[in-house]
Amino acid sequence: MVAKLSTTINKIQALLNSSNSKILNGFLTYMKNNGLSERHQNKKIWIIYMFFYQYTECCSTNFIWNYI
């Protein structure tokens, strides 16, 4: 189950990569300006957030070196 939009926004701020955080915040602003519902915004942002989170976890140097 997807969390509330406010919870998702807080998780965006916690991303390790500030570029990803800026991209998500920009996309969120774009959706708000176009009048999309909070539920729709949350679903789209959550999907992109999970991609960024998984990519960061998978491709971080520490993760790679731990398994070589």
Protein backbone atom coordinates (compact mmCIF):
# COMPACT_ATOMS: atom_id res chain seq x y z
CA MET A 1 0.00 0.00 0.00
CA VAL A 2 1.26 3.44 -0.91
CA ALA A 3 1.78 5.95 1.89
CA LYS A 4 0.30 9.44 2.08
CA LEU A 5 1.70 12.12 -0.20
CA SER A 6 3.26 13.94 2.78
CA THR A 7 5.12 10.75 3.79
CA THR A 8 6.34 10.23 0.23
CA ILE A 9 7.58 13.84 0.07
CA ASN A 10 9.53 13.33 3.31
CA LYS A 11 11.16 10.23 1.83
CA ILE A 12 12.17 12.22 -1.24
CA GLN A 13 14.09 14.63 1.00
CA ALA A 14 15.95 11.65 2.52
CA LEU A 15 17.34 10.39 -0.81
CA LEU A 16 21.12 10.18 -0.80
CA ASN A 17 21.42 11.61 -4.29
CA SER A 18 20.38 15.27 -4.24
CA SER A 19 19.96 15.28 -8.05
CA ASN A 20 17.27 12.62 -7.78
CA SER A 21 15.56 14.60 -5.04
CA LYS A 22 15.53 17.72 -7.23
CA ILE A 23 14.09 15.78 -10.17
CA LEU A 24 11.28 14.36 -8.03
CA ASN A 25 10.48 17.75 -6.48
CA GLY A 26 10.36 19.32 -9.94
CA PHE A 27 8.05 16.61 -11.22
CA LEU A 28 5.81 16.99 -8.17
CA THR A 29 5.58 20.75 -8.77
CA TYR A 30 4.71 20.09 -12.41
CA MET A 31 1.89 17.72 -11.43
CA LYS A 32 0.52 20.15 -8.81
CA ASN A 33 0.52 22.99 -11.35
CA ASN A 34 -1.47 20.82 -13.77
CA GLY A 35 -4.17 20.08 -11.19
CA LEU A 36 -3.60 16.36 -10.72
CA SER A 37 -5.14 14.78 -7.63
CA GLU A 38 -2.96 14.02 -4.60
CA ARG A 39 -3.59 10.31 -5.08
CA HIS A 40 -2.38 10.44 -8.69
CA GLN A 41 0.64 12.55 -7.69
CA ASN A 42 1.53 10.14 -4.91
CA LYS A 43 1.33 7.05 -7.11
CA LYS A 44 3.55 8.56 -9.83
CA ILE A 45 6.07 9.99 -7.37
CA TRP A 46 6.20 6.70 -5.41
CA ILE A 47 7.03 4.68 -8.54
CA ILE A 48 9.86 7.02 -9.50
CA TYR A 49 11.07 7.21 -5.90
CA MET A 50 11.28 3.41 -5.67
CA PHE A 51 13.28 3.30 -8.91
CA PHE A 52 15.74 5.91 -7.61
CA TYR A 53 15.94 4.18 -4.22
CA GLN A 54 16.57 0.73 -5.72
CA TYR A 55 19.10 2.11 -8.20
CA THR A 56 20.97 3.94 -5.44
CA GLU A 57 21.01 0.86 -3.20
CA CYS A 58 22.04 -1.48 -6.00
CA CYS A 59 24.67 0.66 -7.64
CA SER A 60 26.35 2.29 -4.68
CA THR A 61 30.06 1.64 -4.39
CA ASN A 62 29.72 0.13 -0.91
CA PHE A 63 27.14 -2.36 -2.07
CA ILE A 64 29.26 -3.47 -5.02
CA TRP A 65 32.47 -3.82 -2.99
CA ASN A 66 30.72 -5.86 -0.31
CA TYR A 67 29.91 -8.57 -2.85
CA ILE A 68 33.11 -8.70 -4.91
